[in-house]
Amino acid sequence: MYEKVDGQTALSPDDLVDLIPTHITTRGELNEAEQQNILAAESWIFSAGNRRADILTFTFFQRMHRRMFGQVWRWAGRPRRRITNLGVEPAMIAARTAELCETVRYWQDNKVFPLDEIAVRLHHGAVSIHPFPNGNGRFTRYLTDLFLWRGGASGFSWGARSLAPETARDAYLSALRAADGHDIEPLLDFVRR
């Protein structure tokens, strides 16, 4: 019924048990339901309250993920409990997220890198942790854009200005793999294309 798409975490039977809408029977319907939930969450994500909130905490990550996926999945906002092909061990999610947040805060406070680069490093770090059962890429792209918005910059284009969606996805995954190898430049280039 649900097929695995390259670069996405496969849905397990346990995940399907936690699906809230009972009418969903296809991957397309699931994608549409998730997209509608995310669009409904956008006004909260970019609200005045979040301009002042401390977004660099695991608690905020959980709250935001819940807002983005909580109408579709019962596990929305809860840390991943199983090992996946991406991410840290489940027992390390909270600690690694706290470490990432403190590092990003340090970079920002001390202007170690330009804002775009800090945002890219935040994005890559959060994707690498892979804190939730699913939706990590979409969550971290919104988190990154929120981080930029709070810093007075516009959100990233995520390849949408110069690449077709299927090409953008491949370029994004390739740039993430380069960042895994400590080459951040392809991801910096990709996010503003």
N, C-alpha and C. Protein backbone atom coordinates (compact mmCIF):
# COMPACT_ATOMS: atom_id res chain seq x y z
N MET A 1 0.83 -1.20 0.00
CA MET A 1 0.00 0.00 0.00
C MET A 1 0.87 1.25 0.00
N TYR A 2 1.91 1.34 0.85
CA TYR A 2 2.80 2.50 0.90
C TYR A 2 4.16 2.07 0.40
N GLU A 3 4.68 2.75 -0.59
CA GLU A 3 5.99 2.40 -1.11
C GLU A 3 7.05 3.32 -0.53
N LYS A 4 8.25 2.81 -0.47
CA LYS A 4 9.38 3.61 0.01
C LYS A 4 9.90 4.44 -1.15
N VAL A 5 10.14 5.72 -0.92
CA VAL A 5 10.73 6.61 -1.91
C VAL A 5 12.16 6.88 -1.46
N ASP A 6 13.11 6.82 -2.40
CA ASP A 6 14.52 7.03 -2.06
C ASP A 6 14.71 8.30 -1.23
N GLY A 7 15.44 8.17 -0.12
CA GLY A 7 15.73 9.32 0.73
C GLY A 7 14.68 9.56 1.81
N GLN A 8 13.63 8.78 1.83
CA GLN A 8 12.59 8.95 2.84
C GLN A 8 12.61 7.76 3.78
N THR A 9 12.24 7.97 5.02
CA THR A 9 12.14 6.89 5.98
C THR A 9 10.91 6.05 5.62
N ALA A 10 11.10 4.75 5.51
CA ALA A 10 9.97 3.87 5.19
C ALA A 10 8.97 3.85 6.33
N LEU A 11 7.70 3.78 6.00
CA LEU A 11 6.65 3.67 7.00
C LEU A 11 6.53 2.22 7.43
N SER A 12 6.58 1.97 8.71
CA SER A 12 6.44 0.61 9.22
C SER A 12 4.98 0.36 9.58
N PRO A 13 4.60 -0.89 9.78
CA PRO A 13 3.23 -1.16 10.23
C PRO A 13 2.89 -0.45 11.54
N ASP A 14 3.88 -0.29 12.43
CA ASP A 14 3.65 0.45 13.67
C ASP A 14 3.30 1.91 13.39
N ASP A 15 3.97 2.50 12.40
CA ASP A 15 3.66 3.89 12.03
C ASP A 15 2.23 4.01 11.52
N LEU A 16 1.81 3.07 10.70
CA LEU A 16 0.47 3.13 10.12
C LEU A 16 -0.61 3.05 11.17
N VAL A 17 -0.33 2.36 12.25
CA VAL A 17 -1.30 2.26 13.35
C VAL A 17 -1.57 3.65 13.92
N ASP A 18 -0.58 4.52 13.88
CA ASP A 18 -0.70 5.86 14.45
C ASP A 18 -1.25 6.90 13.48
N LEU A 19 -1.69 6.48 12.32
CA LEU A 19 -2.29 7.40 11.35
C LEU A 19 -3.66 7.82 11.87
N ILE A 20 -3.91 9.12 11.97
CA ILE A 20 -5.16 9.62 12.53
C ILE A 20 -6.32 9.60 11.53
N PRO A 21 -6.17 10.17 10.32
CA PRO A 21 -7.30 10.13 9.37
C PRO A 21 -7.56 8.70 8.89
N THR A 22 -8.76 8.26 9.01
CA THR A 22 -9.09 6.88 8.64
C THR A 22 -9.38 6.72 7.15
N HIS A 23 -9.56 7.82 6.43
CA HIS A 23 -9.90 7.74 5.01
C HIS A 23 -8.68 7.57 4.10
N ILE A 24 -7.49 7.70 4.61
CA ILE A 24 -6.29 7.66 3.78
C ILE A 24 -5.96 6.22 3.40
N THR A 25 -5.85 6.00 2.08
CA THR A 25 -5.51 4.65 1.58
C THR A 25 -4.35 4.66 0.60
N THR A 26 -3.91 5.84 0.14
CA THR A 26 -2.81 5.90 -0.83
C THR A 26 -1.73 6.87 -0.34
N ARG A 27 -0.55 6.72 -0.91
CA ARG A 27 0.57 7.62 -0.60
C ARG A 27 0.19 9.05 -0.97
N GLY A 28 -0.50 9.24 -2.09
CA GLY A 28 -0.93 10.58 -2.51
C GLY A 28 -1.84 11.23 -1.49
N GLU A 29 -2.78 10.48 -0.95
CA GLU A 29 -3.69 11.02 0.07
C GLU A 29 -2.92 11.37 1.35
N LEU A 30 -1.97 10.53 1.71
CA LEU A 30 -1.15 10.81 2.88
C LEU A 30 -0.34 12.09 2.67
N ASN A 31 0.29 12.21 1.50
CA ASN A 31 1.07 13.42 1.21
C ASN A 31 0.19 14.67 1.28
N GLU A 32 -1.01 14.58 0.74
CA GLU A 32 -1.93 15.72 0.74
C GLU A 32 -2.34 16.09 2.17
N ALA A 33 -2.64 15.10 2.99
CA ALA A 33 -3.03 15.36 4.38
C ALA A 33 -1.87 16.01 5.15
N GLU A 34 -0.67 15.51 4.96
CA GLU A 34 0.49 16.10 5.63
C GLU A 34 0.71 17.53 5.15
N GLN A 35 0.59 17.76 3.84
CA GLN A 35 0.80 19.10 3.32
C GLN A 35 -0.24 20.08 3.87
N GLN A 36 -1.48 19.67 3.98
CA GLN A 36 -2.52 20.53 4.54
C GLN A 36 -2.22 20.85 6.00
N ASN A 37 -1.75 19.87 6.75
CA ASN A 37 -1.38 20.09 8.16
C ASN A 37 -0.22 21.09 8.26
N ILE A 38 0.78 20.94 7.39
CA ILE A 38 1.93 21.84 7.39
C ILE A 38 1.49 23.26 7.05
N LEU A 39 0.65 23.40 6.04
CA LEU A 39 0.17 24.74 5.65
C LEU A 39 -0.60 25.39 6.80
N ALA A 40 -1.39 24.60 7.51
CA ALA A 40 -2.13 25.13 8.67
C ALA A 40 -1.17 25.57 9.77
N ALA A 41 -0.02 24.91 9.89
CA ALA A 41 0.96 25.24 10.92
C ALA A 41 1.79 26.47 10.59
N GLU A 42 1.87 26.85 9.32
CA GLU A 42 2.73 27.96 8.90
C GLU A 42 2.45 29.25 9.67
N SER A 43 1.20 29.59 9.86
CA SER A 43 0.89 30.85 10.54
C SER A 43 1.41 30.82 11.98
N TRP A 44 1.34 29.67 12.63
CA TRP A 44 1.89 29.55 13.98
C TRP A 44 3.42 29.62 13.94
N ILE A 45 4.04 28.92 12.99
CA ILE A 45 5.50 28.89 12.90
C ILE A 45 6.06 30.31 12.79
N PHE A 46 5.46 31.10 11.90
CA PHE A 46 5.97 32.45 11.65
C PHE A 46 5.17 33.51 12.39
N SER A 47 4.70 33.16 13.57
CA SER A 47 3.93 34.11 14.38
C SER A 47 4.85 34.99 15.21
N ALA A 48 4.30 36.09 15.68
CA ALA A 48 5.07 37.02 16.51
C ALA A 48 5.62 36.33 17.76
N GLY A 49 4.86 35.41 18.32
CA GLY A 49 5.32 34.70 19.51
C GLY A 49 6.59 33.91 19.26
N ASN A 50 6.72 33.36 18.07
CA ASN A 50 7.92 32.58 17.75
C ASN A 50 9.09 33.47 17.33
N ARG A 51 8.83 34.74 17.08
CA ARG A 51 9.94 35.66 16.82
C ARG A 51 10.72 35.86 18.12
N ARG A 52 10.03 35.74 19.25
CA ARG A 52 10.67 35.97 20.56
C ARG A 52 10.96 34.66 21.31
N ALA A 53 10.36 33.57 20.91
CA ALA A 53 10.52 32.30 21.62
C ALA A 53 11.94 31.75 21.45
N ASP A 54 12.35 30.93 22.39
CA ASP A 54 13.63 30.24 22.25
C ASP A 54 13.38 29.01 21.38
N ILE A 55 13.72 29.13 20.11
CA ILE A 55 13.47 28.03 19.18
C ILE A 55 14.58 27.00 19.20
N LEU A 56 15.68 27.30 19.88
CA LEU A 56 16.81 26.38 19.92
C LEU A 56 16.75 25.50 21.16
N THR A 57 15.68 24.75 21.26
CA THR A 57 15.50 23.75 22.32
C THR A 57 14.79 22.54 21.74
N PHE A 58 15.03 21.38 22.34
CA PHE A 58 14.33 20.19 21.88
C PHE A 58 12.84 20.30 22.14
N THR A 59 12.45 20.97 23.20
CA THR A 59 11.03 21.18 23.49
C THR A 59 10.36 21.96 22.37
N PHE A 60 11.03 23.00 21.87
CA PHE A 60 10.45 23.75 20.75
C PHE A 60 10.39 22.88 19.50
N PHE A 61 11.44 22.12 19.24
CA PHE A 61 11.44 21.22 18.08
C PHE A 61 10.20 20.31 18.15
N GLN A 62 9.95 19.74 19.32
CA GLN A 62 8.81 18.85 19.49
C GLN A 62 7.48 19.57 19.25
N ARG A 63 7.36 20.76 19.81
CA ARG A 63 6.13 21.54 19.66
C ARG A 63 5.88 21.87 18.18
N MET A 64 6.93 22.28 17.49
CA MET A 64 6.79 22.65 16.09
C MET A 64 6.45 21.42 15.23
N HIS A 65 7.12 20.31 15.46
CA HIS A 65 6.83 19.09 14.70
C HIS A 65 5.38 18.66 14.95
N ARG A 66 4.93 18.77 16.20
CA ARG A 66 3.55 18.42 16.53
C ARG A 66 2.57 19.32 15.76
N ARG A 67 2.87 20.61 15.67
CA ARG A 67 2.01 21.53 14.92
C ARG A 67 1.97 21.16 13.44
N MET A 68 3.09 20.70 12.91
CA MET A 68 3.18 20.39 11.49
C MET A 68 2.54 19.06 11.11
N PHE A 69 2.52 18.10 12.02
CA PHE A 69 2.06 16.75 11.68
C PHE A 69 1.01 16.18 12.62
N GLY A 70 0.60 16.93 13.64
CA GLY A 70 -0.28 16.41 14.68
C GLY A 70 -1.70 16.10 14.26
N GLN A 71 -2.15 16.60 13.11
CA GLN A 71 -3.49 16.25 12.62
C GLN A 71 -3.46 14.96 11.81
N VAL A 72 -2.25 14.47 11.52
CA VAL A 72 -2.10 13.27 10.68
C VAL A 72 -1.55 12.08 11.47
N TRP A 73 -0.61 12.34 12.37
CA TRP A 73 0.08 11.26 13.08
C TRP A 73 0.00 11.44 14.59
N ARG A 74 -0.30 10.36 15.30
CA ARG A 74 -0.32 10.40 16.77
C ARG A 74 1.08 10.59 17.35
N TRP A 75 2.12 10.16 16.63
CA TRP A 75 3.49 10.30 17.12
C TRP A 75 4.09 11.67 16.83
N ALA A 76 3.36 12.56 16.23
CA ALA A 76 3.91 13.88 15.89
C ALA A 76 4.48 14.56 17.14
N GLY A 77 5.70 15.04 17.03
CA GLY A 77 6.36 15.72 18.14
C GLY A 77 7.05 14.79 19.12
N ARG A 78 6.89 13.50 18.96
CA ARG A 78 7.56 12.55 19.85
C ARG A 78 8.86 12.08 19.22
N PRO A 79 9.91 11.92 20.02
CA PRO A 79 11.18 11.44 19.46
C PRO A 79 11.02 10.04 18.85
N ARG A 80 11.80 9.82 17.85
CA ARG A 80 11.85 8.51 17.20
C ARG A 80 12.31 7.46 18.21
N ARG A 81 11.70 6.27 18.18
CA ARG A 81 12.05 5.22 19.14
C ARG A 81 12.74 4.03 18.49
N ARG A 82 12.90 4.08 17.18
CA ARG A 82 13.57 2.95 16.53
C ARG A 82 14.76 3.46 15.71
N ILE A 83 15.67 2.56 15.45
CA ILE A 83 16.84 2.88 14.64
C ILE A 83 16.37 2.94 13.18
N THR A 84 16.84 3.97 12.48
CA THR A 84 16.52 4.13 11.06
C THR A 84 17.81 4.20 10.27
N ASN A 85 17.67 4.27 8.95
CA ASN A 85 18.87 4.35 8.10
C ASN A 85 19.57 5.69 8.23
N LEU A 86 18.92 6.67 8.84
CA LEU A 86 19.49 7.99 9.09
C LEU A 86 19.37 8.31 10.56
N GLY A 87 20.27 9.14 11.05
CA GLY A 87 20.10 9.66 12.41
C GLY A 87 20.88 8.93 13.47
N VAL A 88 20.85 9.54 14.64
CA VAL A 88 21.55 9.00 15.80
C VAL A 88 20.69 7.93 16.47
N GLU A 89 21.29 7.22 17.39
CA GLU A 89 20.54 6.24 18.19
C GLU A 89 19.40 6.97 18.90
N PRO A 90 18.23 6.37 18.98
CA PRO A 90 17.10 7.04 19.64
C PRO A 90 17.42 7.59 21.03
N ALA A 91 18.21 6.87 21.81
CA ALA A 91 18.53 7.31 23.17
C ALA A 91 19.38 8.58 23.18
N MET A 92 19.97 8.94 22.04
CA MET A 92 20.86 10.10 21.96
C MET A 92 20.17 11.34 21.37
N ILE A 93 18.93 11.21 20.94
CA ILE A 93 18.26 12.31 20.24
C ILE A 93 18.21 13.59 21.07
N ALA A 94 17.72 13.53 22.28
CA ALA A 94 17.58 14.74 23.11
C ALA A 94 18.95 15.37 23.40
N ALA A 95 19.93 14.57 23.75
CA ALA A 95 21.26 15.10 24.07
C ALA A 95 21.92 15.72 22.84
N ARG A 96 21.85 15.06 21.70
CA ARG A 96 22.47 15.59 20.48
C ARG A 96 21.75 16.85 20.01
N THR A 97 20.43 16.91 20.20
CA THR A 97 19.69 18.11 19.84
C THR A 97 20.10 19.27 20.74
N ALA A 98 20.22 19.02 22.04
CA ALA A 98 20.66 20.07 22.97
C ALA A 98 22.05 20.56 22.60
N GLU A 99 22.94 19.65 22.24
CA GLU A 99 24.30 20.01 21.83
C GLU A 99 24.27 20.87 20.57
N LEU A 100 23.47 20.47 19.59
CA LEU A 100 23.34 21.26 18.36
C LEU A 100 22.82 22.65 18.66
N CYS A 101 21.80 22.75 19.48
CA CYS A 101 21.20 24.05 19.80
C CYS A 101 22.20 24.96 20.50
N GLU A 102 22.96 24.42 21.44
CA GLU A 102 23.98 25.22 22.13
C GLU A 102 25.07 25.67 21.17
N THR A 103 25.47 24.81 20.26
CA THR A 103 26.49 25.16 19.27
C THR A 103 25.99 26.26 18.35
N VAL A 104 24.77 26.14 17.88
CA VAL A 104 24.18 27.16 16.99
C VAL A 104 24.06 28.49 17.74
N ARG A 105 23.65 28.44 18.98
CA ARG A 105 23.54 29.65 19.80
C ARG A 105 24.92 30.32 19.94
N TYR A 106 25.95 29.52 20.17
CA TYR A 106 27.31 30.05 20.26
C TYR A 106 27.73 30.71 18.95
N TRP A 107 27.51 30.01 17.83
CA TRP A 107 27.87 30.57 16.52
C TRP A 107 27.16 31.88 16.28
N GLN A 108 25.90 31.94 16.65
CA GLN A 108 25.11 33.15 16.43
C GLN A 108 25.59 34.28 17.34
N ASP A 109 25.74 34.01 18.62
CA ASP A 109 26.16 35.04 19.58
C ASP A 109 27.54 35.59 19.26
N ASN A 110 28.43 34.74 18.75
CA ASN A 110 29.81 35.14 18.49
C ASN A 110 30.09 35.41 17.02
N LYS A 111 29.03 35.38 16.21
CA LYS A 111 29.15 35.67 14.77
C LYS A 111 30.29 34.87 14.14
N VAL A 112 30.32 33.58 14.46
CA VAL A 112 31.36 32.69 13.95
C VAL A 112 31.25 32.52 12.44
N PHE A 113 30.01 32.43 11.95
CA PHE A 113 29.74 32.30 10.52
C PHE A 113 28.66 33.31 10.14
N PRO A 114 28.53 33.62 8.85
CA PRO A 114 27.39 34.44 8.40
C PRO A 114 26.07 33.71 8.71
N LEU A 115 24.99 34.47 8.79
CA LEU A 115 23.68 33.90 9.16
C LEU A 115 23.29 32.73 8.26
N ASP A 116 23.45 32.87 6.94
CA ASP A 116 23.09 31.78 6.03
C ASP A 116 23.84 30.50 6.38
N GLU A 117 25.11 30.61 6.68
CA GLU A 117 25.90 29.42 6.99
C GLU A 117 25.48 28.81 8.32
N ILE A 118 25.19 29.63 9.29
CA ILE A 118 24.70 29.09 10.57
C ILE A 118 23.39 28.35 10.33
N ALA A 119 22.51 28.93 9.53
CA ALA A 119 21.22 28.30 9.24
C ALA A 119 21.43 26.96 8.52
N VAL A 120 22.35 26.91 7.57
CA VAL A 120 22.63 25.67 6.85
C VAL A 120 23.20 24.62 7.81
N ARG A 121 24.06 25.04 8.69
CA ARG A 121 24.63 24.10 9.66
C ARG A 121 23.57 23.61 10.66
N LEU A 122 22.66 24.50 11.05
CA LEU A 122 21.54 24.08 11.89
C LEU A 122 20.71 23.04 11.15
N HIS A 123 20.39 23.33 9.91
CA HIS A 123 19.59 22.40 9.11
C HIS A 123 20.27 21.04 9.00
N HIS A 124 21.52 21.05 8.60
CA HIS A 124 22.23 19.78 8.43
C HIS A 124 22.32 19.02 9.75
N GLY A 125 22.60 19.73 10.83
CA GLY A 125 22.69 19.07 12.13
C GLY A 125 21.38 18.42 12.54
N ALA A 126 20.28 19.13 12.35
CA ALA A 126 18.97 18.58 12.73
C ALA A 126 18.59 17.39 11.85
N VAL A 127 18.86 17.50 10.55
CA VAL A 127 18.58 16.37 9.65
C VAL A 127 19.43 15.16 10.05
N SER A 128 20.68 15.41 10.41
CA SER A 128 21.58 14.31 10.80
C SER A 128 21.13 13.61 12.07
N ILE A 129 20.55 14.35 12.98
CA ILE A 129 20.02 13.75 14.21
C ILE A 129 18.78 12.93 13.88
N HIS A 130 17.94 13.44 12.98
CA HIS A 130 16.72 12.74 12.53
C HIS A 130 15.84 12.42 13.74
N PRO A 131 15.38 13.47 14.44
CA PRO A 131 14.75 13.25 15.74
C PRO A 131 13.38 12.58 15.73
N PHE A 132 12.66 12.62 14.62
CA PHE A 132 11.27 12.15 14.62
C PHE A 132 11.09 10.95 13.69
N PRO A 133 10.03 10.20 13.87
CA PRO A 133 9.81 9.03 13.02
C PRO A 133 9.75 9.36 11.52
N ASN A 134 9.24 10.53 11.19
CA ASN A 134 9.14 10.94 9.79
C ASN A 134 8.94 12.45 9.74
N GLY A 135 9.07 13.02 8.56
CA GLY A 135 8.88 14.46 8.39
C GLY A 135 10.07 15.30 8.78
N ASN A 136 11.23 14.69 8.99
CA ASN A 136 12.40 15.41 9.47
C ASN A 136 12.91 16.45 8.47
N GLY A 137 12.93 16.12 7.19
CA GLY A 137 13.40 17.08 6.19
C GLY A 137 12.50 18.30 6.12
N ARG A 138 11.20 18.06 6.06
CA ARG A 138 10.26 19.18 6.00
C ARG A 138 10.31 20.00 7.28
N PHE A 139 10.36 19.33 8.42
CA PHE A 139 10.46 20.03 9.70
C PHE A 139 11.71 20.91 9.74
N THR A 140 12.86 20.35 9.37
CA THR A 140 14.09 21.13 9.49
C THR A 140 14.17 22.26 8.47
N ARG A 141 13.55 22.11 7.31
CA ARG A 141 13.52 23.22 6.36
C ARG A 141 12.71 24.38 6.94
N TYR A 142 11.56 24.08 7.55
CA TYR A 142 10.77 25.15 8.18
C TYR A 142 11.51 25.74 9.39
N LEU A 143 12.14 24.90 10.18
CA LEU A 143 12.92 25.39 11.33
C LEU A 143 14.02 26.33 10.86
N THR A 144 14.70 25.96 9.79
CA THR A 144 15.76 26.79 9.23
C THR A 144 15.22 28.13 8.75
N ASP A 145 14.09 28.09 8.04
CA ASP A 145 13.50 29.34 7.56
C ASP A 145 13.02 30.21 8.72
N LEU A 146 12.52 29.59 9.78
CA LEU A 146 12.14 30.34 10.98
C LEU A 146 13.38 30.99 11.60
N PHE A 147 14.47 30.26 11.68
CA PHE A 147 15.72 30.79 12.21
C PHE A 147 16.17 32.01 11.40
N LEU A 148 16.11 31.90 10.07
CA LEU A 148 16.49 33.02 9.20
C LEU A 148 15.56 34.21 9.39
N TRP A 149 14.25 33.95 9.44
CA TRP A 149 13.24 35.01 9.61
C TRP A 149 13.50 35.78 10.90
N ARG A 150 13.81 35.06 11.96
CA ARG A 150 14.11 35.70 13.24
C ARG A 150 15.37 36.55 13.15
N GLY A 151 16.29 36.17 12.25
CA GLY A 151 17.52 36.92 12.07
C GLY A 151 17.38 38.05 11.05
N GLY A 152 16.17 38.27 10.54
CA GLY A 152 15.92 39.35 9.60
C GLY A 152 16.21 39.01 8.15
N ALA A 153 16.43 37.75 7.85
CA ALA A 153 16.72 37.33 6.47
C ALA A 153 15.52 36.60 5.88
N SER A 154 15.50 36.51 4.58
CA SER A 154 14.44 35.75 3.92
C SER A 154 14.77 34.26 4.00
N GLY A 155 13.72 33.45 3.91
CA GLY A 155 13.91 32.00 3.92
C GLY A 155 14.65 31.54 2.68
N PHE A 156 15.17 30.35 2.74
CA PHE A 156 15.87 29.77 1.61
C PHE A 156 14.89 29.37 0.51
N SER A 157 15.37 29.27 -0.71
CA SER A 157 14.53 28.82 -1.82
C SER A 157 14.54 27.29 -1.93
N TRP A 158 15.52 26.65 -1.33
CA TRP A 158 15.64 25.19 -1.33
C TRP A 158 15.64 24.64 -2.75
N GLY A 159 16.35 25.34 -3.64
CA GLY A 159 16.50 24.87 -5.02
C GLY A 159 15.34 25.21 -5.94
N ALA A 160 14.29 25.81 -5.42
CA ALA A 160 13.07 26.04 -6.21
C ALA A 160 13.22 27.10 -7.29
N ARG A 161 14.19 27.99 -7.16
CA ARG A 161 14.34 29.05 -8.16
C ARG A 161 14.95 28.55 -9.46
N SER A 162 15.79 27.53 -9.38
CA SER A 162 16.51 27.13 -10.59
C SER A 162 16.39 25.65 -10.94
N LEU A 163 15.72 24.87 -10.09
CA LEU A 163 15.66 23.43 -10.34
C LEU A 163 14.22 22.93 -10.35
N ALA A 164 13.95 21.95 -11.21
CA ALA A 164 12.65 21.28 -11.20
C ALA A 164 12.57 20.45 -9.91
N PRO A 165 11.35 20.21 -9.39
CA PRO A 165 11.22 19.49 -8.10
C PRO A 165 11.99 18.17 -8.04
N GLU A 166 11.94 17.35 -9.09
CA GLU A 166 12.65 16.07 -9.04
C GLU A 166 14.17 16.27 -9.07
N THR A 167 14.64 17.29 -9.77
CA THR A 167 16.07 17.61 -9.79
C THR A 167 16.48 18.23 -8.45
N ALA A 168 15.63 19.07 -7.89
CA ALA A 168 15.93 19.73 -6.62
C ALA A 168 16.10 18.68 -5.52
N ARG A 169 15.26 17.68 -5.49
CA ARG A 169 15.35 16.65 -4.46
C ARG A 169 16.69 15.91 -4.53
N ASP A 170 17.09 15.54 -5.75
CA ASP A 170 18.37 14.85 -5.92
C ASP A 170 19.53 15.75 -5.52
N ALA A 171 19.47 17.02 -5.92
CA ALA A 171 20.54 17.97 -5.58
C ALA A 171 20.60 18.18 -4.07
N TYR A 172 19.43 18.26 -3.43
CA TYR A 172 19.36 18.42 -1.97
C TYR A 172 20.02 17.24 -1.26
N LEU A 173 19.65 16.02 -1.66
CA LEU A 173 20.22 14.84 -1.01
C LEU A 173 21.72 14.75 -1.25
N SER A 174 22.16 15.11 -2.45
CA SER A 174 23.59 15.12 -2.75
C SER A 174 24.32 16.15 -1.88
N ALA A 175 23.73 17.33 -1.72
CA ALA A 175 24.34 18.37 -0.89
C ALA A 175 24.39 17.95 0.57
N LEU A 176 23.36 17.26 1.05
CA LEU A 176 23.38 16.75 2.43
C LEU A 176 24.49 15.73 2.61
N ARG A 177 24.66 14.84 1.62
CA ARG A 177 25.74 13.85 1.72
C ARG A 177 27.11 14.53 1.74
N ALA A 178 27.28 15.59 0.95
CA ALA A 178 28.54 16.33 0.98
C ALA A 178 28.76 16.95 2.36
N ALA A 179 27.70 17.50 2.95
CA ALA A 179 27.81 18.08 4.29
C ALA A 179 28.14 17.01 5.33
N ASP A 180 27.63 15.79 5.12
CA ASP A 180 28.00 14.69 6.01
C ASP A 180 29.51 14.49 6.01
N GLY A 181 30.14 14.76 4.87
CA GLY A 181 31.60 14.64 4.73
C GLY A 181 32.32 15.94 5.03
N HIS A 182 31.64 16.86 5.71
CA HIS A 182 32.20 18.15 6.16
C HIS A 182 32.43 19.16 5.03
N ASP A 183 31.77 18.95 3.89
CA ASP A 183 31.82 19.93 2.80
C ASP A 183 30.46 20.63 2.76
N ILE A 184 30.36 21.78 3.38
CA ILE A 184 29.10 22.50 3.52
C ILE A 184 28.76 23.33 2.28
N GLU A 185 29.75 23.58 1.41
CA GLU A 185 29.57 24.46 0.25
C GLU A 185 28.42 24.04 -0.67
N PRO A 186 28.29 22.76 -1.06
CA PRO A 186 27.17 22.41 -1.94
C PRO A 186 25.80 22.71 -1.31
N LEU A 187 25.68 22.53 -0.01
CA LEU A 187 24.40 22.83 0.66
C LEU A 187 24.18 24.34 0.71
N LEU A 188 25.22 25.10 0.99
CA LEU A 188 25.11 26.57 0.96
C LEU A 188 24.69 27.05 -0.42
N ASP A 189 25.23 26.46 -1.46
CA ASP A 189 24.87 26.83 -2.82
C ASP A 189 23.41 26.43 -3.11
N PHE A 190 23.05 25.22 -2.73
CA PHE A 190 21.72 24.70 -3.04
C PHE A 190 20.59 25.53 -2.42
N VAL A 191 20.74 25.93 -1.18
CA VAL A 191 19.62 26.56 -0.46
C VAL A 191 19.19 27.90 -1.03
N ARG A 192 20.06 28.58 -1.75
CA ARG A 192 19.71 29.88 -2.35
C ARG A 192 19.55 29.80 -3.87
N ARG A 193 19.50 28.59 -4.45
CA ARG A 193 19.30 28.42 -5.90
C ARG A 193 17.87 28.62 -6.28
